[in-house]
N, C-alpha and C. Protein backbone atom coordinates (compact mmCIF):
# COMPACT_ATOMS: atom_id res chain seq x y z
N UNK A 1 50.86 123.92 66.64
CA UNK A 1 50.95 122.52 66.46
C UNK A 1 52.69 122.29 66.30
N UNK A 2 53.14 123.11 65.56
CA UNK A 2 54.60 122.85 65.32
C UNK A 2 55.56 123.02 66.62
N UNK A 3 54.99 124.02 67.46
CA UNK A 3 55.70 124.26 68.61
C UNK A 3 55.62 122.99 69.60
N UNK A 4 54.55 122.47 69.53
CA UNK A 4 53.99 121.17 70.27
C UNK A 4 55.10 120.05 69.87
N UNK A 5 55.20 119.84 68.56
CA UNK A 5 55.74 118.74 67.99
C UNK A 5 57.39 118.85 68.37
N UNK A 6 57.92 120.22 68.24
CA UNK A 6 59.14 120.55 68.73
C UNK A 6 59.70 120.36 70.10
N UNK A 7 58.60 120.61 70.83
CA UNK A 7 58.75 120.31 72.35
C UNK A 7 58.70 118.78 72.64
N UNK A 8 58.01 118.01 71.94
CA UNK A 8 58.06 116.68 72.14
C UNK A 8 59.54 115.99 71.59
N UNK A 9 59.91 116.47 70.47
CA UNK A 9 61.16 116.11 70.21
C UNK A 9 62.39 116.45 70.84
N UNK A 10 62.31 117.68 71.35
CA UNK A 10 63.25 118.02 72.78
C UNK A 10 63.24 117.19 73.80
N UNK A 11 61.97 116.81 74.23
CA UNK A 11 61.65 116.26 75.34
C UNK A 11 62.13 114.69 75.30
N UNK A 12 61.82 114.03 74.11
CA UNK A 12 62.29 112.92 73.62
C UNK A 12 63.72 112.54 73.83
N UNK A 13 64.53 113.49 73.19
CA UNK A 13 65.90 113.54 73.13
C UNK A 13 66.60 113.54 74.49
N UNK A 14 65.89 114.30 75.18
CA UNK A 14 66.37 114.72 76.70
C UNK A 14 66.37 113.21 77.64
N UNK A 15 65.03 112.74 77.33
CA UNK A 15 64.94 111.31 78.05
C UNK A 15 65.88 110.38 77.54
N UNK A 16 66.00 110.27 76.03
CA UNK A 16 66.94 109.21 75.65
C UNK A 16 68.62 109.43 76.14
N UNK A 17 68.87 110.99 76.36
CA UNK A 17 70.25 111.23 76.79
C UNK A 17 70.11 110.75 78.34
N UNK A 18 69.09 110.84 79.02
CA UNK A 18 69.11 110.70 80.53
C UNK A 18 69.31 109.21 80.53
N UNK A 19 68.46 108.34 79.84
CA UNK A 19 68.48 106.86 79.80
C UNK A 19 70.01 106.40 79.39
N UNK A 20 70.72 107.03 78.39
CA UNK A 20 72.09 106.61 78.25
C UNK A 20 72.93 106.73 79.30
N UNK A 21 72.69 108.04 80.11
CA UNK A 21 73.68 108.48 81.05
C UNK A 21 73.56 107.54 82.32
N UNK A 22 72.24 107.14 82.47
CA UNK A 22 71.92 106.29 83.44
C UNK A 22 72.97 104.78 83.23
N UNK A 23 72.45 104.33 82.02
CA UNK A 23 73.18 103.26 81.76
C UNK A 23 74.53 103.08 81.98
N UNK A 24 75.11 104.36 81.60
CA UNK A 24 76.64 104.23 81.50
C UNK A 24 76.99 104.26 82.94
N UNK A 25 76.27 104.94 83.79
CA UNK A 25 76.45 104.91 85.36
C UNK A 25 76.48 103.41 86.11
N UNK A 26 75.36 102.93 85.42
CA UNK A 26 75.12 101.36 85.92
C UNK A 26 76.31 100.45 85.46
N UNK A 27 76.73 100.85 84.27
CA UNK A 27 77.76 99.95 83.76
C UNK A 27 79.01 100.27 84.47
N UNK A 28 79.30 101.68 84.94
CA UNK A 28 80.51 101.88 85.54
C UNK A 28 80.41 101.14 86.91
N UNK A 29 79.33 101.09 87.68
CA UNK A 29 79.31 100.28 89.03
C UNK A 29 79.26 98.83 88.84
N UNK A 30 78.87 98.40 87.73
CA UNK A 30 79.06 97.01 87.28
C UNK A 30 80.53 96.63 87.28
N UNK A 31 81.14 97.47 86.62
CA UNK A 31 82.65 97.25 86.36
C UNK A 31 83.54 97.14 87.73
N UNK A 32 83.01 98.27 88.44
CA UNK A 32 83.73 98.20 89.68
C UNK A 32 83.36 97.13 90.81
N UNK A 33 82.12 96.62 90.63
CA UNK A 33 81.65 95.39 91.60
C UNK A 33 82.55 94.23 91.21
N UNK A 34 82.82 94.17 89.66
CA UNK A 34 83.55 93.15 89.32
C UNK A 34 85.01 93.25 89.28
N UNK A 35 85.56 94.31 89.89
CA UNK A 35 87.12 94.68 90.11
C UNK A 35 87.63 94.80 88.73
N UNK A 36 86.91 95.37 87.71
CA UNK A 36 87.47 95.32 86.41
C UNK A 36 88.11 96.71 86.13
N UNK A 37 89.33 96.64 86.78
CA UNK A 37 90.07 98.05 86.81
C UNK A 37 90.35 98.85 85.49
N UNK A 38 90.53 98.03 84.47
CA UNK A 38 90.57 98.68 83.20
C UNK A 38 89.41 99.14 82.44
N UNK A 39 88.38 98.44 82.86
CA UNK A 39 87.00 99.24 82.42
C UNK A 39 86.76 100.35 83.28
N UNK A 40 86.87 100.35 84.46
CA UNK A 40 86.74 101.59 85.23
C UNK A 40 87.62 102.86 84.93
N UNK A 41 88.70 102.34 84.66
CA UNK A 41 89.73 103.37 84.28
C UNK A 41 89.17 104.05 82.94
N UNK A 42 88.58 103.29 81.97
CA UNK A 42 88.19 103.72 80.69
C UNK A 42 87.04 104.69 80.96
N UNK A 43 86.09 104.38 81.88
CA UNK A 43 84.97 105.28 82.33
C UNK A 43 85.41 106.51 82.91
N UNK A 44 86.40 106.48 83.70
CA UNK A 44 86.90 107.73 84.25
C UNK A 44 87.44 108.55 83.36
N UNK A 45 88.25 107.76 82.43
CA UNK A 45 88.95 108.81 81.31
C UNK A 45 87.73 109.30 80.54
N UNK A 46 86.76 108.72 80.35
CA UNK A 46 85.68 109.46 79.55
C UNK A 46 85.04 110.34 80.16
N UNK A 47 85.41 110.75 81.43
CA UNK A 47 84.76 111.98 82.28
C UNK A 47 83.85 111.76 83.59
N UNK A 48 83.66 110.21 83.68
CA UNK A 48 82.71 109.84 84.66
C UNK A 48 83.42 110.29 85.98
N UNK A 49 82.54 110.60 86.98
CA UNK A 49 82.82 111.10 88.36
C UNK A 49 83.16 110.04 89.13
N UNK A 50 84.64 110.07 89.66
CA UNK A 50 84.86 109.01 90.46
C UNK A 50 84.23 108.93 91.82
N UNK A 51 83.46 109.99 92.22
CA UNK A 51 82.57 109.99 93.37
C UNK A 51 81.21 109.78 93.11
N UNK A 52 81.22 109.24 91.98
CA UNK A 52 79.71 109.00 91.79
C UNK A 52 78.93 108.02 92.70
N UNK A 53 77.48 108.09 92.80
CA UNK A 53 76.80 107.23 93.80
C UNK A 53 75.78 106.31 93.21
N UNK A 54 75.43 105.20 93.56
CA UNK A 54 74.38 104.47 92.96
C UNK A 54 72.99 104.84 93.55
N UNK A 55 72.09 104.22 93.23
CA UNK A 55 70.77 104.56 93.66
C UNK A 55 70.60 104.50 95.09
N UNK A 56 71.53 103.60 95.78
CA UNK A 56 71.41 103.75 97.37
C UNK A 56 72.25 104.52 98.03
N UNK A 57 73.06 105.27 97.40
CA UNK A 57 73.95 106.23 97.74
C UNK A 57 75.37 105.84 98.16
N UNK A 58 75.74 104.51 97.53
CA UNK A 58 77.10 103.96 97.85
C UNK A 58 77.80 104.34 96.81
N UNK A 59 79.08 104.67 97.02
CA UNK A 59 80.24 105.24 96.02
C UNK A 59 80.89 104.06 95.56
N UNK A 60 81.69 104.32 94.53
CA UNK A 60 82.63 103.20 93.92
C UNK A 60 83.48 102.85 95.03
N UNK A 61 84.10 103.89 95.65
CA UNK A 61 85.07 103.63 96.70
C UNK A 61 84.58 102.84 97.83
N UNK A 62 83.37 102.91 98.04
CA UNK A 62 82.73 102.07 99.11
C UNK A 62 82.88 100.54 98.65
N UNK A 63 82.46 100.38 97.40
CA UNK A 63 82.51 98.92 96.99
C UNK A 63 83.75 98.41 97.08
N UNK A 64 84.72 99.09 96.56
CA UNK A 64 86.31 98.66 96.42
C UNK A 64 86.66 98.31 97.81
N UNK A 65 86.20 99.19 98.77
CA UNK A 65 86.90 99.03 100.00
C UNK A 65 86.40 97.79 100.84
N UNK A 66 84.99 97.85 100.62
CA UNK A 66 84.27 96.78 101.20
C UNK A 66 84.84 95.24 100.76
N UNK A 67 85.19 95.13 99.40
CA UNK A 67 85.62 93.81 98.87
C UNK A 67 87.28 93.76 98.85
N UNK A 68 87.86 94.88 99.49
CA UNK A 68 89.37 94.86 99.69
C UNK A 68 90.11 94.87 98.42
N UNK A 69 89.54 95.45 97.26
CA UNK A 69 90.06 95.61 96.11
C UNK A 69 90.92 96.93 96.13
N UNK A 70 92.13 96.45 96.61
CA UNK A 70 93.11 97.66 96.88
C UNK A 70 93.39 98.39 95.74
N UNK A 71 93.82 97.93 94.43
CA UNK A 71 94.00 98.54 93.39
C UNK A 71 92.94 99.36 92.90
N UNK A 72 91.74 98.81 92.99
CA UNK A 72 90.52 99.88 92.53
C UNK A 72 90.60 101.02 93.29
N UNK A 73 90.61 100.83 94.66
CA UNK A 73 90.49 101.93 95.62
C UNK A 73 91.71 102.89 95.35
N UNK A 74 92.96 102.39 94.96
CA UNK A 74 93.83 103.14 94.59
C UNK A 74 93.72 104.39 93.40
N UNK A 75 93.18 103.42 92.55
CA UNK A 75 92.79 104.09 91.12
C UNK A 75 91.60 105.27 91.52
N UNK A 76 90.86 104.88 92.31
CA UNK A 76 89.82 105.92 92.59
C UNK A 76 90.11 107.13 93.45
N UNK A 77 91.19 106.81 94.34
CA UNK A 77 91.83 107.96 95.03
C UNK A 77 92.70 108.79 94.18
N UNK A 78 93.40 107.93 93.52
CA UNK A 78 94.32 108.95 92.49
C UNK A 78 93.49 109.82 91.64
N UNK A 79 92.31 109.38 91.41
CA UNK A 79 91.26 110.22 90.48
C UNK A 79 90.39 111.30 91.60
N UNK A 80 90.88 111.32 92.73
CA UNK A 80 90.23 112.53 93.60
C UNK A 80 88.93 111.88 93.88
N UNK A 81 88.59 110.72 94.12
CA UNK A 81 87.34 110.24 94.76
C UNK A 81 87.29 110.82 96.24
N UNK A 82 85.96 111.18 96.57
CA UNK A 82 85.77 111.62 97.93
C UNK A 82 86.12 110.53 98.84
N UNK A 83 87.10 110.62 99.79
CA UNK A 83 87.43 109.52 100.49
C UNK A 83 86.43 109.35 101.77
N UNK A 84 85.98 110.71 102.12
CA UNK A 84 85.01 110.58 103.42
C UNK A 84 83.47 110.70 102.87
N UNK A 85 83.16 110.63 101.79
CA UNK A 85 81.90 110.46 101.39
C UNK A 85 80.99 109.46 102.41
N UNK A 86 79.71 109.92 102.62
CA UNK A 86 78.89 109.02 103.63
C UNK A 86 77.80 108.52 102.92
N UNK A 87 77.25 107.34 103.29
CA UNK A 87 76.06 106.72 103.01
C UNK A 87 74.75 107.53 103.65
N UNK A 88 73.50 107.25 103.34
CA UNK A 88 72.52 107.63 104.01
C UNK A 88 72.61 107.24 105.44
N UNK A 89 73.24 106.19 105.61
CA UNK A 89 73.27 105.65 107.25
C UNK A 89 74.47 105.85 107.66
N UNK A 90 75.29 106.95 107.21
CA UNK A 90 76.39 107.68 107.72
C UNK A 90 77.69 106.74 107.76
N UNK A 91 77.54 105.82 106.89
CA UNK A 91 78.86 104.92 106.80
C UNK A 91 79.82 105.50 105.87
N UNK A 92 81.07 105.28 105.94
CA UNK A 92 82.21 105.44 104.95
C UNK A 92 83.05 104.46 104.29
N UNK A 93 83.81 104.76 103.35
CA UNK A 93 84.55 103.64 102.77
C UNK A 93 85.38 103.00 103.90
N UNK A 94 86.16 103.60 104.66
CA UNK A 94 86.96 103.15 105.58
C UNK A 94 86.43 102.24 106.61
N UNK A 95 85.06 102.56 106.90
CA UNK A 95 84.26 101.78 107.80
C UNK A 95 83.85 100.41 107.37
N UNK A 96 83.77 100.49 105.73
CA UNK A 96 83.47 99.09 105.37
C UNK A 96 84.65 98.33 105.10
N UNK A 97 85.84 98.87 104.96
CA UNK A 97 87.18 98.15 104.89
C UNK A 97 87.53 97.62 106.47
N UNK A 98 87.09 98.25 107.38
CA UNK A 98 87.45 97.80 108.84
C UNK A 98 86.36 96.82 109.15
N UNK A 99 85.38 96.83 108.70
CA UNK A 99 84.22 95.75 108.83
C UNK A 99 84.67 94.44 108.43
N UNK A 100 85.22 94.66 107.10
CA UNK A 100 85.79 93.33 106.63
C UNK A 100 86.93 92.81 106.77
N UNK A 101 87.89 93.56 107.56
CA UNK A 101 89.12 93.35 108.21
C UNK A 101 90.24 93.54 107.12
N UNK A 102 89.98 94.56 106.21
CA UNK A 102 90.93 94.62 105.01
C UNK A 102 91.92 95.65 105.46
N UNK A 103 92.96 95.22 106.49
CA UNK A 103 94.00 96.03 106.86
C UNK A 103 94.63 96.86 105.91
N UNK A 104 94.98 96.42 104.90
CA UNK A 104 95.79 97.14 104.01
C UNK A 104 94.95 98.47 103.22
N UNK A 105 93.66 98.10 103.09
CA UNK A 105 92.79 99.09 102.65
C UNK A 105 92.62 100.03 103.50
N UNK A 106 92.39 99.67 104.82
CA UNK A 106 92.20 100.74 105.80
C UNK A 106 93.34 101.58 105.84
N UNK A 107 94.54 101.12 105.90
CA UNK A 107 95.73 101.80 105.76
C UNK A 107 95.75 102.85 104.43
N UNK A 108 95.51 102.18 103.34
CA UNK A 108 95.71 103.26 102.32
C UNK A 108 94.54 104.27 102.29
N UNK A 109 93.38 104.08 102.74
CA UNK A 109 92.19 105.06 102.83
C UNK A 109 92.86 106.16 103.81
N UNK A 110 93.22 105.78 105.21
CA UNK A 110 93.60 106.51 106.05
C UNK A 110 94.77 107.47 105.58
N UNK A 111 95.77 107.01 104.87
CA UNK A 111 97.01 107.66 104.45
C UNK A 111 96.48 108.65 103.43
N UNK A 112 95.18 108.63 102.69
CA UNK A 112 94.49 109.54 101.63
C UNK A 112 93.53 110.28 102.37
N UNK A 113 93.58 110.32 103.51
CA UNK A 113 92.54 111.33 104.19
C UNK A 113 91.42 110.81 104.73
N UNK A 114 91.07 109.65 104.89
CA UNK A 114 89.94 108.97 105.63
C UNK A 114 90.03 109.39 107.06
N UNK A 115 88.72 109.77 107.53
CA UNK A 115 88.51 110.22 108.95
C UNK A 115 88.37 108.93 109.76
N UNK A 116 89.03 108.78 111.00
CA UNK A 116 89.12 107.53 111.70
C UNK A 116 88.00 107.85 112.97
N UNK A 117 87.65 109.06 113.11
CA UNK A 117 86.78 109.49 114.18
C UNK A 117 85.61 110.22 113.79
N UNK A 118 84.29 110.04 114.20
CA UNK A 118 83.28 110.63 113.69
C UNK A 118 82.17 110.45 114.66
N UNK A 119 80.95 111.03 114.79
CA UNK A 119 80.01 111.03 115.58
C UNK A 119 79.20 109.60 115.12
N UNK A 120 78.76 108.87 116.06
CA UNK A 120 77.91 107.71 115.85
C UNK A 120 78.92 106.46 115.71
N UNK A 121 78.74 105.58 114.69
CA UNK A 121 79.47 104.37 114.58
C UNK A 121 80.93 104.79 113.78
N UNK A 122 81.76 104.05 114.17
CA UNK A 122 83.35 104.49 113.75
C UNK A 122 83.95 103.24 113.28
N UNK A 123 85.24 103.31 112.37
CA UNK A 123 85.84 102.28 111.96
C UNK A 123 86.19 101.24 113.36
N UNK A 124 86.61 101.86 114.31
CA UNK A 124 86.99 101.02 115.30
C UNK A 124 85.81 100.07 115.81
N UNK A 125 84.48 100.72 115.99
CA UNK A 125 83.57 100.03 116.47
C UNK A 125 83.41 98.77 115.50
N UNK A 126 83.57 99.14 114.05
CA UNK A 126 83.23 97.91 113.15
C UNK A 126 84.29 96.93 113.08
N UNK A 127 85.58 97.10 113.37
CA UNK A 127 86.60 96.36 113.38
C UNK A 127 86.57 95.35 114.78
N UNK A 128 86.16 96.06 115.86
CA UNK A 128 86.01 95.30 117.07
C UNK A 128 84.75 94.27 116.85
N UNK A 129 83.80 94.85 116.65
CA UNK A 129 82.43 94.04 116.30
C UNK A 129 82.62 92.71 115.70
N UNK A 130 83.77 92.77 114.49
CA UNK A 130 83.78 91.67 113.73
C UNK A 130 85.29 90.95 114.08
N UNK A 131 85.92 91.59 114.93
CA UNK A 131 86.99 90.76 115.54
C UNK A 131 88.50 90.79 114.60
N UNK A 132 88.77 92.00 114.36
CA UNK A 132 89.86 92.10 113.49
C UNK A 132 91.02 92.85 114.26
N UNK A 133 91.83 92.04 114.84
CA UNK A 133 92.97 92.82 115.65
C UNK A 133 94.06 93.50 115.03
N UNK A 134 94.39 93.13 113.76
CA UNK A 134 95.16 94.08 113.04
C UNK A 134 94.63 95.38 112.55
N UNK A 135 93.44 95.28 112.41
CA UNK A 135 92.87 96.60 111.87
C UNK A 135 92.55 97.57 113.15
N UNK A 136 92.14 96.95 114.17
CA UNK A 136 91.90 97.65 115.59
C UNK A 136 93.10 98.13 115.99
N UNK A 137 94.35 97.38 116.07
CA UNK A 137 95.63 97.95 116.42
C UNK A 137 96.20 99.11 115.69
N UNK A 138 95.91 98.91 114.19
CA UNK A 138 96.25 100.28 113.33
C UNK A 138 95.38 101.47 113.58
N UNK A 139 94.23 101.38 113.86
CA UNK A 139 93.23 102.29 114.13
C UNK A 139 93.73 103.08 115.40
N UNK A 140 93.76 102.28 116.39
CA UNK A 140 94.31 102.80 117.77
C UNK A 140 95.83 103.62 117.54
N UNK A 141 96.50 103.02 116.88
CA UNK A 141 97.88 103.59 116.63
C UNK A 141 97.84 104.98 116.03
N UNK A 142 96.74 104.88 115.23
CA UNK A 142 96.63 106.34 114.38
C UNK A 142 95.46 107.28 114.84
N UNK A 143 95.29 107.17 116.09
CA UNK A 143 94.26 108.29 116.70
C UNK A 143 92.80 107.88 116.93
N UNK A 144 92.56 106.63 116.54
CA UNK A 144 91.03 106.42 116.85
C UNK A 144 90.71 106.48 118.05
N UNK A 145 89.73 106.96 118.71
CA UNK A 145 89.13 107.11 119.92
C UNK A 145 88.84 105.85 120.56
N UNK A 146 89.49 105.58 121.71
CA UNK A 146 89.09 103.98 121.92
C UNK A 146 87.93 103.99 122.75
N UNK A 147 87.48 104.85 123.42
CA UNK A 147 86.20 105.02 124.04
C UNK A 147 85.07 105.73 123.28
N UNK A 148 85.20 105.92 122.08
CA UNK A 148 84.14 106.32 121.20
C UNK A 148 82.81 105.71 121.39
N UNK A 149 81.77 106.21 121.37
CA UNK A 149 80.50 105.68 121.69
C UNK A 149 79.50 105.53 120.39
N UNK A 150 79.03 104.36 120.32
CA UNK A 150 78.17 104.16 119.25
C UNK A 150 76.74 104.59 119.61
N UNK A 151 75.85 104.81 118.61
CA UNK A 151 74.58 105.40 118.92
C UNK A 151 73.85 104.86 120.15
N UNK A 152 74.08 103.60 120.56
CA UNK A 152 73.47 103.17 121.75
C UNK A 152 74.18 103.37 123.02
N UNK A 153 75.38 103.91 122.69
CA UNK A 153 76.26 104.06 124.08
C UNK A 153 77.36 103.22 123.99
N UNK A 154 77.38 102.09 123.26
CA UNK A 154 78.54 101.03 123.49
C UNK A 154 79.88 101.47 123.09
N UNK A 155 81.01 101.14 123.49
CA UNK A 155 82.28 101.01 123.05
C UNK A 155 82.71 99.94 122.21
N UNK A 156 83.93 99.98 121.53
CA UNK A 156 84.53 98.96 120.86
C UNK A 156 84.82 97.59 121.84
N UNK A 157 85.13 97.95 123.14
CA UNK A 157 85.26 96.92 124.04
C UNK A 157 84.24 96.05 124.22
N UNK A 158 83.06 96.77 124.46
CA UNK A 158 81.74 96.10 124.51
C UNK A 158 81.31 95.28 123.46
N UNK A 159 81.66 95.63 122.31
CA UNK A 159 81.35 94.99 121.11
C UNK A 159 82.26 93.67 121.02
N UNK A 160 83.55 93.74 121.27
CA UNK A 160 84.27 92.73 121.10
C UNK A 160 84.08 91.78 122.14
N UNK A 161 83.65 92.25 123.42
CA UNK A 161 83.29 91.17 124.53
C UNK A 161 82.07 90.60 124.35
N UNK A 162 81.04 91.15 123.67
CA UNK A 162 79.78 90.33 123.46
C UNK A 162 79.88 89.35 122.27
N UNK A 163 80.81 89.61 121.34
CA UNK A 163 81.04 89.06 120.01
C UNK A 163 82.02 87.86 120.29
N UNK A 164 82.66 87.87 121.43
CA UNK A 164 83.71 86.74 121.86
C UNK A 164 84.95 86.85 121.18
N UNK A 165 85.39 87.89 120.71
CA UNK A 165 86.46 88.38 120.16
C UNK A 165 87.83 88.57 121.30
N UNK A 166 88.11 87.53 121.86
CA UNK A 166 89.22 87.77 122.91
C UNK A 166 90.50 88.49 122.57
N UNK A 167 91.09 88.19 121.41
CA UNK A 167 92.17 88.89 121.09
C UNK A 167 92.04 90.41 120.99
N UNK A 168 90.74 90.74 120.57
CA UNK A 168 90.74 92.18 120.35
C UNK A 168 90.49 92.74 121.92
N UNK A 169 89.87 92.00 122.87
CA UNK A 169 89.49 92.55 124.04
C UNK A 169 90.78 92.72 124.89
N UNK A 170 91.56 91.78 124.54
CA UNK A 170 93.14 91.93 125.30
C UNK A 170 93.86 93.20 124.65
N UNK A 171 93.72 93.42 123.32
CA UNK A 171 94.21 94.62 122.78
C UNK A 171 93.85 95.83 123.51
N UNK A 172 92.40 95.84 123.52
CA UNK A 172 91.76 97.07 123.92
C UNK A 172 92.03 97.25 125.43
N UNK A 173 91.80 96.33 126.02
CA UNK A 173 92.43 96.44 127.62
C UNK A 173 93.81 96.88 127.79
N UNK A 174 94.62 96.37 126.90
CA UNK A 174 96.32 96.63 127.05
C UNK A 174 96.24 98.21 126.70
N UNK A 175 95.40 98.59 125.78
CA UNK A 175 95.38 99.99 125.60
C UNK A 175 94.74 101.08 126.36
N UNK A 176 94.12 100.38 127.60
CA UNK A 176 93.54 101.29 128.47
C UNK A 176 92.11 101.58 128.25
N UNK A 177 91.30 100.48 127.65
CA UNK A 177 90.05 100.89 127.47
C UNK A 177 89.36 100.53 128.66
N UNK A 178 88.34 101.42 129.15
CA UNK A 178 87.55 101.27 130.22
C UNK A 178 86.73 99.98 130.47
N UNK A 179 86.50 99.36 131.39
CA UNK A 179 85.75 98.24 131.28
C UNK A 179 84.42 98.43 132.07
N UNK A 180 84.41 99.54 132.35
CA UNK A 180 83.20 100.07 133.41
C UNK A 180 82.12 101.08 132.54
N UNK A 181 82.31 101.19 131.38
CA UNK A 181 81.54 102.03 130.57
C UNK A 181 80.05 101.38 130.34
N UNK A 182 79.01 102.10 130.66
CA UNK A 182 77.77 101.57 130.36
C UNK A 182 77.17 102.06 129.09
N UNK A 183 76.12 101.31 128.66
CA UNK A 183 75.31 101.94 127.52
C UNK A 183 74.27 102.77 128.21
N UNK A 184 73.43 103.17 127.43
CA UNK A 184 72.23 104.00 127.76
C UNK A 184 71.20 103.12 128.58
N UNK A 185 71.17 101.81 128.26
CA UNK A 185 70.42 100.86 129.11
C UNK A 185 71.05 100.18 130.31
N UNK A 186 72.29 100.65 130.50
CA UNK A 186 72.79 100.21 131.75
C UNK A 186 73.82 99.04 131.55
N UNK A 187 73.93 98.56 130.32
CA UNK A 187 74.68 97.01 130.04
C UNK A 187 76.13 97.65 130.00
N UNK A 188 76.92 96.56 130.35
CA UNK A 188 78.58 96.75 130.53
C UNK A 188 79.20 95.65 129.61
N UNK A 189 80.42 96.00 129.40
CA UNK A 189 81.03 94.89 128.61
C UNK A 189 81.04 93.47 129.43
N UNK A 190 81.14 93.62 130.82
CA UNK A 190 80.97 92.34 131.48
C UNK A 190 79.49 91.63 131.31
N UNK A 191 78.59 92.37 131.45
CA UNK A 191 77.12 91.93 131.21
C UNK A 191 76.87 91.20 129.78
N UNK A 192 77.43 92.00 128.87
CA UNK A 192 77.34 91.45 127.26
C UNK A 192 78.17 90.22 127.40
N UNK A 193 79.37 90.00 127.92
CA UNK A 193 80.07 88.83 127.82
C UNK A 193 79.35 87.75 128.59
N UNK A 194 78.86 87.99 129.67
CA UNK A 194 78.35 86.89 130.41
C UNK A 194 76.97 86.27 129.75
N UNK A 195 76.25 87.41 129.30
CA UNK A 195 75.02 86.90 128.42
C UNK A 195 75.41 86.15 127.35
N UNK A 196 76.40 86.30 126.62
CA UNK A 196 76.74 85.72 125.35
C UNK A 196 77.83 84.34 125.83
N UNK A 197 77.84 84.21 127.23
CA UNK A 197 78.49 83.03 127.67
C UNK A 197 79.97 83.04 127.56
N UNK A 198 80.61 84.24 127.18
CA UNK A 198 82.14 84.33 126.95
C UNK A 198 82.75 84.47 128.15
N UNK A 199 82.83 83.28 128.77
CA UNK A 199 83.35 83.43 130.33
C UNK A 199 84.81 83.74 130.55
N UNK A 200 85.57 83.24 129.36
CA UNK A 200 87.18 83.83 129.54
C UNK A 200 87.29 85.15 129.17
N UNK A 201 86.43 85.70 128.41
CA UNK A 201 86.48 87.28 128.32
C UNK A 201 85.83 87.80 129.60
N UNK A 202 84.92 87.40 130.30
CA UNK A 202 84.40 87.85 131.62
C UNK A 202 85.45 87.85 132.50
N UNK A 203 86.18 86.80 132.84
CA UNK A 203 87.37 86.79 133.59
C UNK A 203 88.36 87.94 133.33
N UNK A 204 88.78 88.11 132.04
CA UNK A 204 89.61 89.07 131.81
C UNK A 204 88.89 90.41 132.09
N UNK A 205 87.72 90.93 131.92
CA UNK A 205 87.37 92.05 132.16
C UNK A 205 87.30 92.11 133.82
N UNK A 206 87.04 91.15 134.44
CA UNK A 206 86.88 91.31 136.15
C UNK A 206 88.41 91.64 136.43
N UNK A 207 89.12 90.95 136.00
CA UNK A 207 90.56 91.20 136.33
C UNK A 207 90.95 92.75 136.11
N UNK A 208 90.50 93.14 135.17
CA UNK A 208 90.51 94.72 134.77
C UNK A 208 89.84 95.69 135.51
N UNK A 209 88.87 95.31 136.42
CA UNK A 209 88.28 96.06 137.17
C UNK A 209 86.66 95.96 136.59
N UNK A 210 86.16 95.42 135.96
CA UNK A 210 84.78 95.40 135.50
C UNK A 210 83.78 95.11 136.56
N UNK A 211 82.36 95.56 136.42
CA UNK A 211 81.54 95.12 137.36
C UNK A 211 80.28 94.98 136.51
N UNK A 212 79.13 94.32 136.89
CA UNK A 212 78.13 94.30 136.00
C UNK A 212 77.28 95.60 136.53
């Protein structure tokens, strides 16, 4: 009986400690989402892992990158957060920054080791899809593969054409992006532009040699 009681006490203490640890982790992410840099710093000073993930697999750095909280991003990088950590969906912090058009954050992450090229979706796809010329330009100037293919076989040019981002289309064509690439289903940048009724972009693509 005494051993059983002792077991229950130890088990109870363990659960209490786990709950406290989870609460602390939740508080850390709450501070990061609120861009409360002082609070995040205090958590890190107390030994919290800067590469911690939440229940969905997102890191503190990803939240900071997505919102463009560059000082928070810098703090986490200074504390050795994993710059190339991936979500269960294979997304990285620099991809979130590119998607939102946070050029300064993209640059900071890249200079601290963020990978611009990988299998599947890339930061260039995200920036082109959302129409962020400054980010697209930076990525291309720093080695992003202009013809990288998304899981469906589409390129950055195709996404920009479909979404109607003519400045990004011009930029990609000026950097020799191919207007003739096809997806697995046979779609092209031109066919996507026409389907979306982006006739000005379609004209640019035709002049660059695109065909349906």
